[in-house]
Amino acid sequence: MILHVLKHELRLVIREPRFWIPFVIPPVILAASQGIAVSRYGGAIMQGMEGYMMLLLGCLMAPMGAPLAADSFAGERERNSLELLQLSPVKPTHLFWGKLFAVLPFPLTFSLMGILVYWISHPAVSGTTALAALFGAASVCLLVTSFTLLISLKAKTVRAATQSSLFLVVPLLLMVQFGYEFFLRSLAIPAMTLLVSCLISLGVTFIGMRRFVSL
């Protein structure tokens, strides 16, 4: 039954173009800003910054998935269909996991694609740095998605849920901004970060599932 809910949610997302637009914005902005910086100050300005740009690109995909997570339950409440879902023969736990699994692949996939494309266009970046950036992006995607899904259960509108998720997104991006050198120093730090993020996300997800079941 989880698979049935997953397929239904994926069809709804794929048919709605407005959900795809945010995933195109970060790569375009970063490419444009990098191109402007290189054309104005020369290629030397980007030396040593490739790892940071790769990490930032991957992490910027995480908040782009927040509208999807916010729409999961707040959108149903806004459309007055949340009560109908709860009265359906599908178990609440199956509904919850189906919605989660329908949202999570999008930020993770686009983060991976962004990092791979950047790596292909900048082959001087080491594999260790690319893997560290991937771990960091996956960590941010898991945290943002799980917390936004939890917020979506309480928010009355999609806009409120999306805006509330910014309280999590902004600190995470600031950590990337000021801590990227420490983060990319070795693969052990990104690996530990990903492990901690998985544990936190699982905890938040189970809290959200119990809250949805008790609605």
C-alpha atoms as a PDB file:
ATOM      1  CA  MET A   1       0.000   0.000   0.000  1.00  0.00           C
ATOM      2  CA  ILE A   2       2.951   2.323   0.638  1.00  0.00           C
ATOM      3  CA  LEU A   3       4.020   1.768  -2.975  1.00  0.00           C
ATOM      4  CA  HIS A   4       0.532   2.690  -4.205  1.00  0.00           C
ATOM      5  CA  VAL A   5       0.600   5.965  -2.240  1.00  0.00           C
ATOM      6  CA  LEU A   6       4.142   6.623  -3.477  1.00  0.00           C
ATOM      7  CA  LYS A   7       3.162   6.201  -7.135  1.00  0.00           C
ATOM      8  CA  HIS A   8       0.113   8.431  -6.686  1.00  0.00           C
ATOM      9  CA  GLU A   9       2.156  11.219  -5.061  1.00  0.00           C
ATOM     10  CA  LEU A  10       4.884  10.995  -7.693  1.00  0.00           C
ATOM     11  CA  ARG A  11       2.327  11.353 -10.476  1.00  0.00           C
ATOM     12  CA  LEU A  12       0.948  14.484  -8.830  1.00  0.00           C
ATOM     13  CA  VAL A  13       4.422  16.008  -8.509  1.00  0.00           C
ATOM     14  CA  ILE A  14       5.496  15.158 -12.048  1.00  0.00           C
ATOM     15  CA  ARG A  15       2.326  16.690 -13.489  1.00  0.00           C
ATOM     16  CA  GLU A  16       2.858  19.999 -11.642  1.00  0.00           C
ATOM     17  CA  PRO A  17       5.526  22.158 -13.365  1.00  0.00           C
ATOM     18  CA  ARG A  18       5.763  24.661 -10.494  1.00  0.00           C
ATOM     19  CA  PHE A  19       7.490  22.034  -8.359  1.00  0.00           C
ATOM     20  CA  TRP A  20      10.275  21.645 -10.943  1.00  0.00           C
ATOM     21  CA  ILE A  21      11.183  25.301 -11.384  1.00  0.00           C
ATOM     22  CA  PRO A  22      13.003  25.730  -8.013  1.00  0.00           C
ATOM     23  CA  PHE A  23      15.414  22.906  -8.810  1.00  0.00           C
ATOM     24  CA  VAL A  24      16.631  24.761 -11.913  1.00  0.00           C
ATOM     25  CA  ILE A  25      17.269  28.069 -10.138  1.00  0.00           C
ATOM     26  CA  PRO A  26      20.345  27.263  -7.940  1.00  0.00           C
ATOM     27  CA  PRO A  27      22.544  25.825 -10.737  1.00  0.00           C
ATOM     28  CA  VAL A  28      21.715  28.737 -13.023  1.00  0.00           C
ATOM     29  CA  ILE A  29      22.455  31.347 -10.333  1.00  0.00           C
ATOM     30  CA  LEU A  30      25.731  29.704  -9.279  1.00  0.00           C
ATOM     31  CA  ALA A  31      26.891  29.255 -12.868  1.00  0.00           C
ATOM     32  CA  ALA A  32      26.053  32.863 -13.677  1.00  0.00           C
ATOM     33  CA  SER A  33      27.767  34.235 -10.553  1.00  0.00           C
ATOM     34  CA  GLN A  34      30.856  32.126 -11.183  1.00  0.00           C
ATOM     35  CA  GLY A  35      30.968  33.196 -14.817  1.00  0.00           C
ATOM     36  CA  ILE A  36      30.675  36.876 -13.851  1.00  0.00           C
ATOM     37  CA  ALA A  37      33.406  36.549 -11.213  1.00  0.00           C
ATOM     38  CA  VAL A  38      35.779  34.818 -13.637  1.00  0.00           C
ATOM     39  CA  SER A  39      35.127  37.305 -16.438  1.00  0.00           C
ATOM     40  CA  ARG A  40      35.665  40.272 -14.109  1.00  0.00           C
ATOM     41  CA  TYR A  41      38.585  39.105 -11.957  1.00  0.00           C
ATOM     42  CA  GLY A  42      40.068  36.212 -13.913  1.00  0.00           C
ATOM     43  CA  GLY A  43      40.113  32.481 -13.320  1.00  0.00           C
ATOM     44  CA  ALA A  44      42.505  32.793 -10.376  1.00  0.00           C
ATOM     45  CA  ILE A  45      39.684  33.999  -8.134  1.00  0.00           C
ATOM     46  CA  MET A  46      38.072  30.542  -8.216  1.00  0.00           C
ATOM     47  CA  GLN A  47      41.205  28.620  -7.301  1.00  0.00           C
ATOM     48  CA  GLY A  48      40.593  26.584  -4.178  1.00  0.00           C
ATOM     49  CA  MET A  49      36.880  27.408  -4.223  1.00  0.00           C
ATOM     50  CA  GLU A  50      35.713  24.458  -6.328  1.00  0.00           C
ATOM     51  CA  GLY A  51      34.998  22.264  -3.307  1.00  0.00           C
ATOM     52  CA  TYR A  52      32.987  25.020  -1.662  1.00  0.00           C
ATOM     53  CA  MET A  53      30.972  25.691  -4.810  1.00  0.00           C
ATOM     54  CA  MET A  54      30.255  21.980  -5.217  1.00  0.00           C
ATOM     55  CA  LEU A  55      29.114  21.640  -1.608  1.00  0.00           C
ATOM     56  CA  LEU A  56      27.007  24.799  -1.832  1.00  0.00           C
ATOM     57  CA  LEU A  57      25.355  23.659  -5.050  1.00  0.00           C
ATOM     58  CA  GLY A  58      24.378  20.313  -3.539  1.00  0.00           C
ATOM     59  CA  CYS A  59      23.081  21.861  -0.321  1.00  0.00           C
ATOM     60  CA  LEU A  60      21.055  24.503  -2.164  1.00  0.00           C
ATOM     61  CA  MET A  61      18.935  21.721  -3.654  1.00  0.00           C
ATOM     62  CA  ALA A  62      17.651  20.751  -0.187  1.00  0.00           C
ATOM     63  CA  PRO A  63      15.476  23.830   0.475  1.00  0.00           C
ATOM     64  CA  MET A  64      14.186  23.577  -3.079  1.00  0.00           C
ATOM     65  CA  GLY A  65      12.424  20.381  -1.972  1.00  0.00           C
ATOM     66  CA  ALA A  66      10.802  22.123   1.005  1.00  0.00           C
ATOM     67  CA  PRO A  67       7.670  23.141  -0.973  1.00  0.00           C
ATOM     68  CA  LEU A  68       7.106  19.485  -1.831  1.00  0.00           C
ATOM     69  CA  ALA A  69       7.358  18.429   1.812  1.00  0.00           C
ATOM     70  CA  ALA A  70       5.247  21.397   2.931  1.00  0.00           C
ATOM     71  CA  ASP A  71       2.511  20.439   0.482  1.00  0.00           C
ATOM     72  CA  SER A  72       2.349  16.854   1.777  1.00  0.00           C
ATOM     73  CA  PHE A  73      -0.012  17.563   4.672  1.00  0.00           C
ATOM     74  CA  ALA A  74      -0.513  21.337   4.811  1.00  0.00           C
ATOM     75  CA  GLY A  75      -1.592  21.180   1.175  1.00  0.00           C
ATOM     76  CA  GLU A  76      -4.099  18.442   1.951  1.00  0.00           C
ATOM     77  CA  ARG A  77      -5.431  20.544   4.834  1.00  0.00           C
ATOM     78  CA  GLU A  78      -5.641  23.596   2.569  1.00  0.00           C
ATOM     79  CA  ARG A  79      -7.579  21.593  -0.030  1.00  0.00           C
ATOM     80  CA  ASN A  80      -9.860  20.159   2.695  1.00  0.00           C
ATOM     81  CA  SER A  81      -8.814  16.634   1.744  1.00  0.00           C
ATOM     82  CA  LEU A  82      -6.802  15.685   4.839  1.00  0.00           C
ATOM     83  CA  GLU A  83      -9.878  14.321   6.621  1.00  0.00           C
ATOM     84  CA  LEU A  84     -10.759  12.240   3.565  1.00  0.00           C
ATOM     85  CA  LEU A  85      -7.278  10.715   3.608  1.00  0.00           C
ATOM     86  CA  GLN A  86      -7.647   9.811   7.256  1.00  0.00           C
ATOM     87  CA  LEU A  87     -10.994   8.103   6.514  1.00  0.00           C
ATOM     88  CA  SER A  88      -9.581   6.119   3.590  1.00  0.00           C
ATOM     89  CA  PRO A  89      -8.923   2.378   3.997  1.00  0.00           C
ATOM     90  CA  VAL A  90      -5.179   3.003   3.699  1.00  0.00           C
ATOM     91  CA  LYS A  91      -3.366   2.791   7.009  1.00  0.00           C
ATOM     92  CA  PRO A  92      -2.140   6.190   8.298  1.00  0.00           C
ATOM     93  CA  THR A  93       1.403   4.841   8.600  1.00  0.00           C
ATOM     94  CA  HIS A  94       1.337   3.775   4.942  1.00  0.00           C
ATOM     95  CA  LEU A  95       0.074   7.206   3.925  1.00  0.00           C
ATOM     96  CA  PHE A  96       2.800   8.921   5.885  1.00  0.00           C
ATOM     97  CA  TRP A  97       5.663   6.799   4.535  1.00  0.00           C
ATOM     98  CA  GLY A  98       4.293   6.987   1.007  1.00  0.00           C
ATOM     99  CA  LYS A  99       4.281  10.778   1.116  1.00  0.00           C
ATOM    100  CA  LEU A 100       7.772  10.882   2.623  1.00  0.00           C
ATOM    101  CA  PHE A 101       9.254   8.533   0.022  1.00  0.00           C
ATOM    102  CA  ALA A 102       7.602  10.573  -2.738  1.00  0.00           C
ATOM    103  CA  VAL A 103       9.291  13.792  -1.586  1.00  0.00           C
ATOM    104  CA  LEU A 104      12.770  12.665  -0.550  1.00  0.00           C
ATOM    105  CA  PRO A 105      14.080  11.420  -3.937  1.00  0.00           C
ATOM    106  CA  PHE A 106      13.731  14.836  -5.578  1.00  0.00           C
ATOM    107  CA  PRO A 107      16.193  16.905  -3.488  1.00  0.00           C
ATOM    108  CA  LEU A 108      18.558  13.928  -3.193  1.00  0.00           C
ATOM    109  CA  THR A 109      18.536  13.239  -6.940  1.00  0.00           C
ATOM    110  CA  PHE A 110      18.971  16.863  -7.962  1.00  0.00           C
ATOM    111  CA  SER A 111      21.761  17.315  -5.406  1.00  0.00           C
ATOM    112  CA  LEU A 112      23.560  14.301  -6.850  1.00  0.00           C
ATOM    113  CA  MET A 113      23.037  15.525 -10.403  1.00  0.00           C
ATOM    114  CA  GLY A 114      24.274  19.025  -9.556  1.00  0.00           C
ATOM    115  CA  ILE A 115      27.419  17.697  -7.871  1.00  0.00           C
ATOM    116  CA  LEU A 116      28.161  15.267 -10.711  1.00  0.00           C
ATOM    117  CA  VAL A 117      27.710  17.932 -13.388  1.00  0.00           C
ATOM    118  CA  TYR A 118      29.944  20.339 -11.477  1.00  0.00           C
ATOM    119  CA  TRP A 119      32.560  17.618 -11.002  1.00  0.00           C
ATOM    120  CA  ILE A 120      32.524  16.758 -14.710  1.00  0.00           C
ATOM    121  CA  SER A 121      32.998  20.414 -15.606  1.00  0.00           C
ATOM    122  CA  HIS A 122      35.759  20.790 -12.977  1.00  0.00           C
ATOM    123  CA  PRO A 123      37.800  17.553 -13.196  1.00  0.00           C
ATOM    124  CA  ALA A 124      40.541  19.012 -10.987  1.00  0.00           C
ATOM    125  CA  VAL A 125      38.303  18.460  -7.934  1.00  0.00           C
ATOM    126  CA  SER A 126      39.356  15.298  -6.110  1.00  0.00           C
ATOM    127  CA  GLY A 127      37.034  12.343  -5.657  1.00  0.00           C
ATOM    128  CA  THR A 128      37.294  12.729  -1.877  1.00  0.00           C
ATOM    129  CA  THR A 129      36.050  16.316  -2.072  1.00  0.00           C
ATOM    130  CA  ALA A 130      33.195  15.316  -4.382  1.00  0.00           C
ATOM    131  CA  LEU A 131      32.157  12.493  -2.039  1.00  0.00           C
ATOM    132  CA  ALA A 132      32.354  14.823   0.960  1.00  0.00           C
ATOM    133  CA  ALA A 133      30.145  17.339  -0.861  1.00  0.00           C
ATOM    134  CA  LEU A 134      27.682  14.559  -1.661  1.00  0.00           C
ATOM    135  CA  PHE A 135      27.561  13.481   1.997  1.00  0.00           C
ATOM    136  CA  GLY A 136      27.000  17.070   3.070  1.00  0.00           C
ATOM    137  CA  ALA A 137      24.235  17.628   0.534  1.00  0.00           C
ATOM    138  CA  ALA A 138      22.520  14.374   1.528  1.00  0.00           C
ATOM    139  CA  SER A 139      22.672  15.415   5.191  1.00  0.00           C
ATOM    140  CA  VAL A 140      21.001  18.751   4.487  1.00  0.00           C
ATOM    141  CA  CYS A 141      18.366  17.125   2.266  1.00  0.00           C
ATOM    142  CA  LEU A 142      17.424  14.610   4.974  1.00  0.00           C
ATOM    143  CA  LEU A 143      17.203  17.229   7.711  1.00  0.00           C
ATOM    144  CA  VAL A 144      15.236  19.772   5.701  1.00  0.00           C
ATOM    145  CA  THR A 145      12.780  17.203   4.345  1.00  0.00           C
ATOM    146  CA  SER A 146      12.079  15.500   7.668  1.00  0.00           C
ATOM    147  CA  PHE A 147      11.651  18.749   9.609  1.00  0.00           C
ATOM    148  CA  THR A 148       9.524  20.362   6.891  1.00  0.00           C
ATOM    149  CA  LEU A 149       7.299  17.290   6.821  1.00  0.00           C
ATOM    150  CA  LEU A 150       6.843  17.610  10.575  1.00  0.00           C
ATOM    151  CA  ILE A 151       6.046  21.318  10.226  1.00  0.00           C
ATOM    152  CA  SER A 152       3.579  20.492   7.458  1.00  0.00           C
ATOM    153  CA  LEU A 153       1.552  18.414   9.914  1.00  0.00           C
ATOM    154  CA  LYS A 154       0.910  21.463  12.102  1.00  0.00           C
ATOM    155  CA  ALA A 155       0.801  24.302   9.568  1.00  0.00           C
ATOM    156  CA  LYS A 156      -2.547  25.374   8.162  1.00  0.00           C
ATOM    157  CA  THR A 157      -1.202  26.459   4.770  1.00  0.00           C
ATOM    158  CA  VAL A 158       1.600  25.426   2.448  1.00  0.00           C
ATOM    159  CA  ARG A 159       3.026  28.950   2.544  1.00  0.00           C
ATOM    160  CA  ALA A 160       3.240  28.893   6.329  1.00  0.00           C
ATOM    161  CA  ALA A 161       4.950  25.491   6.296  1.00  0.00           C
ATOM    162  CA  THR A 162       7.438  26.563   3.624  1.00  0.00           C
ATOM    163  CA  GLN A 163       8.294  29.825   5.379  1.00  0.00           C
ATOM    164  CA  SER A 164       8.708  28.047   8.720  1.00  0.00           C
ATOM    165  CA  SER A 165      11.214  25.667   7.139  1.00  0.00           C
ATOM    166  CA  LEU A 166      13.480  28.680   6.460  1.00  0.00           C
ATOM    167  CA  PHE A 167      14.299  28.771  10.188  1.00  0.00           C
ATOM    168  CA  LEU A 168      16.129  25.483   9.577  1.00  0.00           C
ATOM    169  CA  VAL A 169      17.443  26.157   6.071  1.00  0.00           C
ATOM    170  CA  VAL A 170      19.177  29.464   6.834  1.00  0.00           C
ATOM    171  CA  PRO A 171      21.352  28.145   9.730  1.00  0.00           C
ATOM    172  CA  LEU A 172      22.341  25.101   7.665  1.00  0.00           C
ATOM    173  CA  LEU A 173      23.432  27.255   4.730  1.00  0.00           C
ATOM    174  CA  LEU A 174      25.346  29.562   7.085  1.00  0.00           C
ATOM    175  CA  MET A 175      27.170  26.517   8.431  1.00  0.00           C
ATOM    176  CA  VAL A 176      28.135  25.635   4.871  1.00  0.00           C
ATOM    177  CA  GLN A 177      29.282  29.204   4.266  1.00  0.00           C
ATOM    178  CA  PHE A 178      31.557  29.486   7.282  1.00  0.00           C
ATOM    179  CA  GLY A 179      32.501  25.858   7.979  1.00  0.00           C
ATOM    180  CA  TYR A 180      33.198  24.392   4.536  1.00  0.00           C
ATOM    181  CA  GLU A 181      36.988  24.336   5.005  1.00  0.00           C
ATOM    182  CA  PHE A 182      36.686  22.278   8.187  1.00  0.00           C
ATOM    183  CA  PHE A 183      33.986  20.093   6.643  1.00  0.00           C
ATOM    184  CA  LEU A 184      36.005  19.266   3.512  1.00  0.00           C
ATOM    185  CA  ARG A 185      39.239  18.667   5.432  1.00  0.00           C
ATOM    186  CA  SER A 186      38.706  14.890   5.578  1.00  0.00           C
ATOM    187  CA  LEU A 187      36.049  12.368   4.614  1.00  0.00           C
ATOM    188  CA  ALA A 188      35.503  11.323   8.240  1.00  0.00           C
ATOM    189  CA  ILE A 189      33.743  14.597   9.119  1.00  0.00           C
ATOM    190  CA  PRO A 190      31.150  14.413   6.270  1.00  0.00           C
ATOM    191  CA  ALA A 191      30.591  10.695   6.995  1.00  0.00           C
ATOM    192  CA  MET A 192      29.934  11.398  10.680  1.00  0.00           C
ATOM    193  CA  THR A 193      27.699  14.317   9.740  1.00  0.00           C
ATOM    194  CA  LEU A 194      25.653  12.086   7.447  1.00  0.00           C
ATOM    195  CA  LEU A 195      25.290   9.446  10.163  1.00  0.00           C
ATOM    196  CA  VAL A 196      24.106  12.008  12.735  1.00  0.00           C
ATOM    197  CA  SER A 197      21.735  13.556  10.177  1.00  0.00           C
ATOM    198  CA  CYS A 198      20.233  10.135   9.430  1.00  0.00           C
ATOM    199  CA  LEU A 199      19.617   9.479  13.114  1.00  0.00           C
ATOM    200  CA  ILE A 200      18.068  12.907  13.691  1.00  0.00           C
ATOM    201  CA  SER A 201      15.923  12.603  10.566  1.00  0.00           C
ATOM    202  CA  LEU A 202      14.690   9.164  11.613  1.00  0.00           C
ATOM    203  CA  GLY A 203      13.761  10.490  15.043  1.00  0.00           C
ATOM    204  CA  VAL A 204      11.907  13.473  13.574  1.00  0.00           C
ATOM    205  CA  THR A 205      10.185  11.230  11.025  1.00  0.00           C
ATOM    206  CA  PHE A 206       8.874   8.846  13.675  1.00  0.00           C
ATOM    207  CA  ILE A 207       7.620  11.790  15.722  1.00  0.00           C
ATOM    208  CA  GLY A 208       5.798  13.059  12.633  1.00  0.00           C
ATOM    209  CA  MET A 209       4.367   9.621  11.894  1.00  0.00           C
ATOM    210  CA  ARG A 210       2.994   9.270  15.431  1.00  0.00           C
ATOM    211  CA  ARG A 211       1.535  12.759  15.227  1.00  0.00           C
ATOM    212  CA  PHE A 212      -0.161  11.976  11.919  1.00  0.00           C
ATOM    213  CA  VAL A 213      -1.597   8.719  13.263  1.00  0.00           C
ATOM    214  CA  SER A 214      -3.004  10.527  16.299  1.00  0.00           C
ATOM    215  CA  LEU A 215      -4.659  13.330  14.299  1.00  0.00           C
END
